[in-house]
PDB file of N, CA and C in Angstrom:
ATOM      1  N   UNK A   1      47.924 -15.633 -40.515  1.00  0.00           N
ATOM      2  CA  UNK A   1      47.739 -15.865 -41.935  1.00  0.00           C
ATOM      3  C   UNK A   1      47.792 -14.539 -42.699  1.00  0.00           C
ATOM      4  N   UNK A   2      47.217 -13.500 -42.120  1.00  0.00           N
ATOM      5  CA  UNK A   2      47.235 -12.194 -42.756  1.00  0.00           C
ATOM      6  C   UNK A   2      48.671 -11.687 -42.908  1.00  0.00           C
ATOM      7  N   UNK A   3      49.490 -11.897 -41.898  1.00  0.00           N
ATOM      8  CA  UNK A   3      50.893 -11.474 -41.967  1.00  0.00           C
ATOM      9  C   UNK A   3      51.631 -12.198 -43.083  1.00  0.00           C
ATOM     10  N   UNK A   4      51.358 -13.493 -43.205  1.00  0.00           N
ATOM     11  CA  UNK A   4      52.000 -14.272 -44.259  1.00  0.00           C
ATOM     12  C   UNK A   4      51.592 -13.740 -45.637  1.00  0.00           C
ATOM     13  N   UNK A   5      50.331 -13.457 -45.809  1.00  0.00           N
ATOM     14  CA  UNK A   5      49.843 -12.920 -47.077  1.00  0.00           C
ATOM     15  C   UNK A   5      50.471 -11.578 -47.396  1.00  0.00           C
ATOM     16  N   UNK A   6      50.571 -10.729 -46.390  1.00  0.00           N
ATOM     17  CA  UNK A   6      51.186  -9.416 -46.579  1.00  0.00           C
ATOM     18  C   UNK A   6      52.669  -9.560 -46.919  1.00  0.00           C
ATOM     19  N   UNK A   7      53.353 -10.454 -46.229  1.00  0.00           N
ATOM     20  CA  UNK A   7      54.774 -10.676 -46.493  1.00  0.00           C
ATOM     21  C   UNK A   7      54.977 -11.194 -47.920  1.00  0.00           C
ATOM     22  N   UNK A   8      54.127 -12.100 -48.349  1.00  0.00           N
ATOM     23  CA  UNK A   8      54.228 -12.636 -49.701  1.00  0.00           C
ATOM     24  C   UNK A   8      53.979 -11.546 -50.736  1.00  0.00           C
ATOM     25  N   UNK A   9      52.985 -10.711 -50.492  1.00  0.00           N
ATOM     26  CA  UNK A   9      52.689  -9.606 -51.397  1.00  0.00           C
ATOM     27  C   UNK A   9      53.869  -8.647 -51.499  1.00  0.00           C
ATOM     28  N   UNK A  10      54.445  -8.269 -50.375  1.00  0.00           N
ATOM     29  CA  UNK A  10      55.572  -7.329 -50.376  1.00  0.00           C
ATOM     30  C   UNK A  10      56.794  -7.931 -51.062  1.00  0.00           C
ATOM     31  N   UNK A  11      57.002  -9.215 -50.873  1.00  0.00           N
ATOM     32  CA  UNK A  11      58.123  -9.896 -51.519  1.00  0.00           C
ATOM     33  C   UNK A  11      57.950  -9.863 -53.039  1.00  0.00           C
ATOM     34  N   UNK A  12      56.760 -10.175 -53.494  1.00  0.00           N
ATOM     35  CA  UNK A  12      56.485 -10.160 -54.940  1.00  0.00           C
ATOM     36  C   UNK A  12      56.620  -8.751 -55.506  1.00  0.00           C
ATOM     37  N   UNK A  13      56.150  -7.770 -54.774  1.00  0.00           N
ATOM     38  CA  UNK A  13      56.256  -6.378 -55.223  1.00  0.00           C
ATOM     39  C   UNK A  13      57.721  -5.960 -55.320  1.00  0.00           C
ATOM     40  N   UNK A  14      58.528  -6.378 -54.356  1.00  0.00           N
ATOM     41  CA  UNK A  14      59.952  -6.039 -54.379  1.00  0.00           C
ATOM     42  C   UNK A  14      60.654  -6.691 -55.561  1.00  0.00           C
ATOM     43  N   UNK A  15      60.315  -7.938 -55.849  1.00  0.00           N
ATOM     44  CA  UNK A  15      60.921  -8.622 -56.991  1.00  0.00           C
ATOM     45  C   UNK A  15      60.518  -7.954 -58.305  1.00  0.00           C
ATOM     46  N   UNK A  16      59.262  -7.539 -58.401  1.00  0.00           N
ATOM     47  CA  UNK A  16      58.797  -6.847 -59.598  1.00  0.00           C
ATOM     48  C   UNK A  16      59.535  -5.523 -59.767  1.00  0.00           C
ATOM     49  N   UNK A  17      59.697  -4.785 -58.684  1.00  0.00           N
ATOM     50  CA  UNK A  17      60.404  -3.497 -58.736  1.00  0.00           C
ATOM     51  C   UNK A  17      61.861  -3.705 -59.133  1.00  0.00           C
ATOM     52  N   UNK A  18      62.476  -4.770 -58.634  1.00  0.00           N
ATOM     53  CA  UNK A  18      63.861  -5.051 -58.988  1.00  0.00           C
ATOM     54  C   UNK A  18      63.981  -5.374 -60.475  1.00  0.00           C
ATOM     55  N   UNK A  19      63.061  -6.153 -60.993  1.00  0.00           N
ATOM     56  CA  UNK A  19      63.078  -6.489 -62.418  1.00  0.00           C
ATOM     57  C   UNK A  19      62.901  -5.234 -63.264  1.00  0.00           C
ATOM     58  N   UNK A  20      62.005  -4.364 -62.854  1.00  0.00           N
ATOM     59  CA  UNK A  20      61.796  -3.109 -63.586  1.00  0.00           C
ATOM     60  C   UNK A  20      63.051  -2.247 -63.520  1.00  0.00           C
ATOM     61  N   UNK A  21      63.706  -2.232 -62.376  1.00  0.00           N
ATOM     62  CA  UNK A  21      64.949  -1.476 -62.232  1.00  0.00           C
ATOM     63  C   UNK A  21      66.042  -2.015 -63.141  1.00  0.00           C
ATOM     64  N   UNK A  22      66.103  -3.332 -63.287  1.00  0.00           N
ATOM     65  CA  UNK A  22      67.082  -3.939 -64.188  1.00  0.00           C
ATOM     66  C   UNK A  22      66.811  -3.532 -65.622  1.00  0.00           C
ATOM     67  N   UNK A  23      65.552  -3.536 -66.023  1.00  0.00           N
ATOM     68  CA  UNK A  23      65.193  -3.108 -67.373  1.00  0.00           C
ATOM     69  C   UNK A  23      65.541  -1.641 -67.588  1.00  0.00           C
ATOM     70  N   UNK A  24      65.286  -0.832 -66.583  1.00  0.00           N
ATOM     71  CA  UNK A  24      65.574   0.594 -66.702  1.00  0.00           C
ATOM     72  C   UNK A  24      67.070   0.823 -66.885  1.00  0.00           C
ATOM     73  N   UNK A  25      67.868   0.139 -66.102  1.00  0.00           N
ATOM     74  CA  UNK A  25      69.323   0.259 -66.242  1.00  0.00           C
ATOM     75  C   UNK A  25      69.799  -0.230 -67.602  1.00  0.00           C
ATOM     76  N   UNK A  26      69.239  -1.336 -68.061  1.00  0.00           N
ATOM     77  CA  UNK A  26      69.633  -1.891 -69.363  1.00  0.00           C
ATOM     78  C   UNK A  26      69.250  -0.951 -70.500  1.00  0.00           C
ATOM     79  N   UNK A  27      68.197  -0.189 -70.307  1.00  0.00           N
ATOM     80  CA  UNK A  27      67.751   0.775 -71.322  1.00  0.00           C
ATOM     81  C   UNK A  27      68.580   2.061 -71.272  1.00  0.00           C
ATOM     82  N   UNK A  28      68.726   2.627 -70.084  1.00  0.00           N
ATOM     83  CA  UNK A  28      69.353   3.944 -69.957  1.00  0.00           C
ATOM     84  C   UNK A  28      70.883   3.913 -69.979  1.00  0.00           C
ATOM     85  N   UNK A  29      71.489   2.876 -69.416  1.00  0.00           N
ATOM     86  CA  UNK A  29      72.953   2.847 -69.303  1.00  0.00           C
ATOM     87  C   UNK A  29      73.676   2.892 -70.654  1.00  0.00           C
ATOM     88  N   UNK A  30      73.298   2.037 -71.628  1.00  0.00           N
ATOM     89  CA  UNK A  30      74.001   2.124 -72.917  1.00  0.00           C
ATOM     90  C   UNK A  30      73.790   3.463 -73.614  1.00  0.00           C
ATOM     91  N   UNK A  31      72.614   4.018 -73.474  1.00  0.00           N
ATOM     92  CA  UNK A  31      72.330   5.315 -74.080  1.00  0.00           C
ATOM     93  C   UNK A  31      73.212   6.401 -73.467  1.00  0.00           C
ATOM     94  N   UNK A  32      73.322   6.383 -72.156  1.00  0.00           N
ATOM     95  CA  UNK A  32      74.157   7.367 -71.466  1.00  0.00           C
ATOM     96  C   UNK A  32      75.613   7.220 -71.887  1.00  0.00           C
ATOM     97  N   UNK A  33      76.069   5.982 -72.003  1.00  0.00           N
ATOM     98  CA  UNK A  33      77.447   5.730 -72.435  1.00  0.00           C
ATOM     99  C   UNK A  33      77.686   6.287 -73.832  1.00  0.00           C
ATOM    100  N   UNK A  34      76.749   6.039 -74.738  1.00  0.00           N
ATOM    101  CA  UNK A  34      76.886   6.546 -76.106  1.00  0.00           C
ATOM    102  C   UNK A  34      76.877   8.069 -76.142  1.00  0.00           C
ATOM    103  N   UNK A  35      75.990   8.672 -75.371  1.00  0.00           N
ATOM    104  CA  UNK A  35      75.915  10.136 -75.354  1.00  0.00           C
ATOM    105  C   UNK A  35      77.171  10.770 -74.770  1.00  0.00           C
ATOM    106  N   UNK A  36      77.861  10.029 -73.908  1.00  0.00           N
ATOM    107  CA  UNK A  36      79.101  10.531 -73.303  1.00  0.00           C
ATOM    108  C   UNK A  36      80.305  10.271 -74.203  1.00  0.00           C
ATOM    109  N   UNK A  37      80.062   9.674 -75.368  1.00  0.00           N
ATOM    110  CA  UNK A  37      81.144   9.433 -76.309  1.00  0.00           C
ATOM    111  C   UNK A  37      81.788   8.069 -76.166  1.00  0.00           C
ATOM    112  N   UNK A  38      81.246   7.231 -75.319  1.00  0.00           N
ATOM    113  CA  UNK A  38      81.772   5.888 -75.129  1.00  0.00           C
ATOM    114  C   UNK A  38      81.223   4.924 -76.161  1.00  0.00           C
ATOM    115  N   UNK A  39      81.587   3.668 -75.998  1.00  0.00           N
ATOM    116  CA  UNK A  39      81.143   2.639 -76.929  1.00  0.00           C
ATOM    117  C   UNK A  39      80.473   1.518 -76.152  1.00  0.00           C
ATOM    118  N   UNK A  40      79.508   0.897 -76.761  1.00  0.00           N
ATOM    119  CA  UNK A  40      78.838  -0.262 -76.174  1.00  0.00           C
ATOM    120  C   UNK A  40      78.921  -1.406 -77.181  1.00  0.00           C
ATOM    121  N   UNK A  41      78.895  -2.607 -76.667  1.00  0.00           N
ATOM    122  CA  UNK A  41      78.953  -3.778 -77.541  1.00  0.00           C
ATOM    123  C   UNK A  41      77.624  -3.955 -78.275  1.00  0.00           C
ATOM    124  N   UNK A  42      77.652  -4.762 -79.310  1.00  0.00           N
ATOM    125  CA  UNK A  42      76.426  -5.068 -80.037  1.00  0.00           C
ATOM    126  C   UNK A  42      75.412  -5.736 -79.104  1.00  0.00           C
ATOM    127  N   UNK A  43      75.914  -6.575 -78.217  1.00  0.00           N
ATOM    128  CA  UNK A  43      75.041  -7.275 -77.269  1.00  0.00           C
ATOM    129  C   UNK A  43      74.370  -6.282 -76.316  1.00  0.00           C
ATOM    130  N   UNK A  44      75.145  -5.326 -75.797  1.00  0.00           N
ATOM    131  CA  UNK A  44      74.570  -4.305 -74.905  1.00  0.00           C
ATOM    132  C   UNK A  44      73.561  -3.437 -75.650  1.00  0.00           C
ATOM    133  N   UNK A  45      73.860  -3.124 -76.897  1.00  0.00           N
ATOM    134  CA  UNK A  45      72.957  -2.308 -77.709  1.00  0.00           C
ATOM    135  C   UNK A  45      71.624  -3.029 -77.919  1.00  0.00           C
ATOM    136  N   UNK A  46      71.700  -4.311 -78.278  1.00  0.00           N
ATOM    137  CA  UNK A  46      70.480  -5.091 -78.497  1.00  0.00           C
ATOM    138  C   UNK A  46      69.685  -5.254 -77.204  1.00  0.00           C
ATOM    139  N   UNK A  47      70.389  -5.496 -76.103  1.00  0.00           N
ATOM    140  CA  UNK A  47      69.708  -5.642 -74.812  1.00  0.00           C
ATOM    141  C   UNK A  47      69.056  -4.324 -74.403  1.00  0.00           C
ATOM    142  N   UNK A  48      69.724  -3.223 -74.670  1.00  0.00           N
ATOM    143  CA  UNK A  48      69.164  -1.912 -74.356  1.00  0.00           C
ATOM    144  C   UNK A  48      67.917  -1.615 -75.160  1.00  0.00           C
ATOM    145  N   UNK A  49      67.954  -1.938 -76.435  1.00  0.00           N
ATOM    146  CA  UNK A  49      66.775  -1.719 -77.276  1.00  0.00           C
ATOM    147  C   UNK A  49      65.605  -2.583 -76.803  1.00  0.00           C
ATOM    148  N   UNK A  50      65.893  -3.809 -76.449  1.00  0.00           N
ATOM    149  CA  UNK A  50      64.850  -4.713 -75.970  1.00  0.00           C
ATOM    150  C   UNK A  50      64.249  -4.214 -74.659  1.00  0.00           C
ATOM    151  N   UNK A  51      65.120  -3.779 -73.745  1.00  0.00           N
ATOM    152  CA  UNK A  51      64.650  -3.274 -72.456  1.00  0.00           C
ATOM    153  C   UNK A  51      63.810  -2.011 -72.641  1.00  0.00           C
ATOM    154  N   UNK A  52      64.249  -1.119 -73.523  1.00  0.00           N
ATOM    155  CA  UNK A  52      63.488   0.107 -73.776  1.00  0.00           C
ATOM    156  C   UNK A  52      62.115  -0.221 -74.364  1.00  0.00           C
ATOM    157  N   UNK A  53      62.069  -1.160 -75.286  1.00  0.00           N
ATOM    158  CA  UNK A  53      60.793  -1.543 -75.894  1.00  0.00           C
ATOM    159  C   UNK A  53      59.841  -2.103 -74.834  1.00  0.00           C
ATOM    160  N   UNK A  54      60.371  -2.923 -73.944  1.00  0.00           N
ATOM    161  CA  UNK A  54      59.543  -3.494 -72.871  1.00  0.00           C
ATOM    162  C   UNK A  54      59.054  -2.393 -71.931  1.00  0.00           C
ATOM    163  N   UNK A  55      59.932  -1.470 -71.579  1.00  0.00           N
ATOM    164  CA  UNK A  55      59.544  -0.388 -70.668  1.00  0.00           C
ATOM    165  C   UNK A  55      58.519   0.553 -71.295  1.00  0.00           C
ATOM    166  N   UNK A  56      58.620   0.790 -72.595  1.00  0.00           N
ATOM    167  CA  UNK A  56      57.633   1.639 -73.275  1.00  0.00           C
ATOM    168  C   UNK A  56      56.231   1.064 -73.140  1.00  0.00           C
ATOM    169  N   UNK A  57      56.135  -0.247 -73.132  1.00  0.00           N
ATOM    170  CA  UNK A  57      54.830  -0.899 -73.046  1.00  0.00           C
ATOM    171  C   UNK A  57      54.294  -0.950 -71.621  1.00  0.00           C
ATOM    172  N   UNK A  58      55.178  -0.909 -70.638  1.00  0.00           N
ATOM    173  CA  UNK A  58      54.745  -1.114 -69.256  1.00  0.00           C
ATOM    174  C   UNK A  58      54.800   0.120 -68.375  1.00  0.00           C
ATOM    175  N   UNK A  59      55.461   1.176 -68.816  1.00  0.00           N
ATOM    176  CA  UNK A  59      55.638   2.371 -67.980  1.00  0.00           C
ATOM    177  C   UNK A  59      54.452   3.313 -68.128  1.00  0.00           C
ATOM    178  N   UNK A  60      53.973   3.797 -67.004  1.00  0.00           N
ATOM    179  CA  UNK A  60      52.852   4.731 -66.997  1.00  0.00           C
ATOM    180  C   UNK A  60      53.268   6.134 -66.550  1.00  0.00           C
ATOM    181  N   UNK A  61      54.462   6.259 -66.014  1.00  0.00           N
ATOM    182  CA  UNK A  61      54.973   7.543 -65.536  1.00  0.00           C
ATOM    183  C   UNK A  61      55.449   8.368 -66.739  1.00  0.00           C
ATOM    184  N   UNK A  62      54.832   9.525 -66.954  1.00  0.00           N
ATOM    185  CA  UNK A  62      55.138  10.345 -68.128  1.00  0.00           C
ATOM    186  C   UNK A  62      56.581  10.836 -68.153  1.00  0.00           C
ATOM    187  N   UNK A  63      57.110  11.239 -67.005  1.00  0.00           N
ATOM    188  CA  UNK A  63      58.487  11.728 -66.952  1.00  0.00           C
ATOM    189  C   UNK A  63      59.472  10.608 -67.264  1.00  0.00           C
ATOM    190  N   UNK A  64      59.223   9.443 -66.728  1.00  0.00           N
ATOM    191  CA  UNK A  64      60.086   8.302 -67.006  1.00  0.00           C
ATOM    192  C   UNK A  64      59.969   7.887 -68.459  1.00  0.00           C
ATOM    193  N   UNK A  65      58.782   7.966 -69.004  1.00  0.00           N
ATOM    194  CA  UNK A  65      58.575   7.614 -70.405  1.00  0.00           C
ATOM    195  C   UNK A  65      59.355   8.546 -71.335  1.00  0.00           C
ATOM    196  N   UNK A  66      59.481   9.809 -70.974  1.00  0.00           N
ATOM    197  CA  UNK A  66      60.296  10.738 -71.762  1.00  0.00           C
ATOM    198  C   UNK A  66      61.750  10.284 -71.789  1.00  0.00           C
ATOM    199  N   UNK A  67      62.274   9.874 -70.644  1.00  0.00           N
ATOM    200  CA  UNK A  67      63.667   9.399 -70.567  1.00  0.00           C
ATOM    201  C   UNK A  67      63.844   8.123 -71.379  1.00  0.00           C
ATOM    202  N   UNK A  68      62.863   7.234 -71.290  1.00  0.00           N
ATOM    203  CA  UNK A  68      62.931   5.967 -72.014  1.00  0.00           C
ATOM    204  C   UNK A  68      62.888   6.222 -73.518  1.00  0.00           C
ATOM    205  N   UNK A  69      62.014   7.127 -73.961  1.00  0.00           N
ATOM    206  CA  UNK A  69      61.918   7.454 -75.386  1.00  0.00           C
ATOM    207  C   UNK A  69      63.207   8.080 -75.909  1.00  0.00           C
ATOM    208  N   UNK A  70      63.816   8.939 -75.105  1.00  0.00           N
ATOM    209  CA  UNK A  70      65.080   9.561 -75.508  1.00  0.00           C
ATOM    210  C   UNK A  70      66.180   8.510 -75.618  1.00  0.00           C
ATOM    211  N   UNK A  71      66.246   7.619 -74.637  1.00  0.00           N
ATOM    212  CA  UNK A  71      67.249   6.553 -74.676  1.00  0.00           C
ATOM    213  C   UNK A  71      67.008   5.633 -75.861  1.00  0.00           C
ATOM    214  N   UNK A  72      65.757   5.307 -76.104  1.00  0.00           N
ATOM    215  CA  UNK A  72      65.404   4.440 -77.221  1.00  0.00           C
ATOM    216  C   UNK A  72      65.825   5.060 -78.547  1.00  0.00           C
ATOM    217  N   UNK A  73      65.623   6.349 -78.679  1.00  0.00           N
ATOM    218  CA  UNK A  73      66.016   7.055 -79.895  1.00  0.00           C
ATOM    219  C   UNK A  73      67.535   7.020 -80.084  1.00  0.00           C
ATOM    220  N   UNK A  74      68.271   7.238 -79.010  1.00  0.00           N
ATOM    221  CA  UNK A  74      69.733   7.195 -79.071  1.00  0.00           C
ATOM    222  C   UNK A  74      70.213   5.810 -79.494  1.00  0.00           C
ATOM    223  N   UNK A  75      69.623   4.777 -78.906  1.00  0.00           N
ATOM    224  CA  UNK A  75      70.012   3.409 -79.236  1.00  0.00           C
ATOM    225  C   UNK A  75      69.632   3.058 -80.675  1.00  0.00           C
ATOM    226  N   UNK A  76      68.473   3.519 -81.125  1.00  0.00           N
ATOM    227  CA  UNK A  76      68.042   3.255 -82.501  1.00  0.00           C
ATOM    228  C   UNK A  76      68.971   3.938 -83.503  1.00  0.00           C
ATOM    229  N   UNK A  77      69.389   5.155 -83.198  1.00  0.00           N
ATOM    230  CA  UNK A  77      70.316   5.880 -84.063  1.00  0.00           C
ATOM    231  C   UNK A  77      71.640   5.145 -84.165  1.00  0.00           C
ATOM    232  N   UNK A  78      72.139   4.650 -83.037  1.00  0.00           N
ATOM    233  CA  UNK A  78      73.397   3.912 -83.028  1.00  0.00           C
ATOM    234  C   UNK A  78      73.260   2.597 -83.796  1.00  0.00           C
ATOM    235  N   UNK A  79      72.144   1.901 -83.618  1.00  0.00           N
ATOM    236  CA  UNK A  79      71.923   0.649 -84.337  1.00  0.00           C
ATOM    237  C   UNK A  79      71.874   0.904 -85.847  1.00  0.00           C
ATOM    238  N   UNK A  80      71.228   1.994 -86.232  1.00  0.00           N
ATOM    239  CA  UNK A  80      71.157   2.342 -87.656  1.00  0.00           C
ATOM    240  C   UNK A  80      72.547   2.687 -88.181  1.00  0.00           C
ATOM    241  N   UNK A  81      73.313   3.414 -87.389  1.00  0.00           N
ATOM    242  CA  UNK A  81      74.672   3.780 -87.794  1.00  0.00           C
ATOM    243  C   UNK A  81      75.519   2.537 -88.019  1.00  0.00           C
ATOM    244  N   UNK A  82      75.308   1.518 -87.185  1.00  0.00           N
ATOM    245  CA  UNK A  82      76.053   0.273 -87.309  1.00  0.00           C
ATOM    246  C   UNK A  82      75.466  -0.639 -88.388  1.00  0.00           C
ATOM    247  N   UNK A  83      74.324  -0.281 -88.907  1.00  0.00           N
ATOM    248  CA  UNK A  83      73.687  -1.102 -89.930  1.00  0.00           C
ATOM    249  C   UNK A  83      72.911  -2.266 -89.365  1.00  0.00           C
ATOM    250  N   UNK A  84      72.521  -2.167 -88.077  1.00  0.00           N
ATOM    251  CA  UNK A  84      71.759  -3.220 -87.425  1.00  0.00           C
ATOM    252  C   UNK A  84      70.421  -2.638 -87.037  1.00  0.00           C
ATOM    253  N   UNK A  85      69.382  -3.166 -87.601  1.00  0.00           N
ATOM    254  CA  UNK A  85      68.039  -2.649 -87.307  1.00  0.00           C
ATOM    255  C   UNK A  85      67.454  -3.564 -86.339  1.00  0.00           C
TER     256      UNK A  85
END
């Protein structure tokens, strides 16, 4: 029974980490593309802003929070440039 409980816990932890990784990619990837001079769709921009907002509320790592804040700022600037707040 203990093994089953441990396996269930590890499975849930892995799924949570994967979800956080997806949010991180959705936040950082469009920002990186914009900074490299590329273009992102309105949908990617909105998803990136949403992911960054969620990560700001849930991230406790200071170094990661700096990256998230920088990406969020880049995405906000682009949204403002496009006239989408």
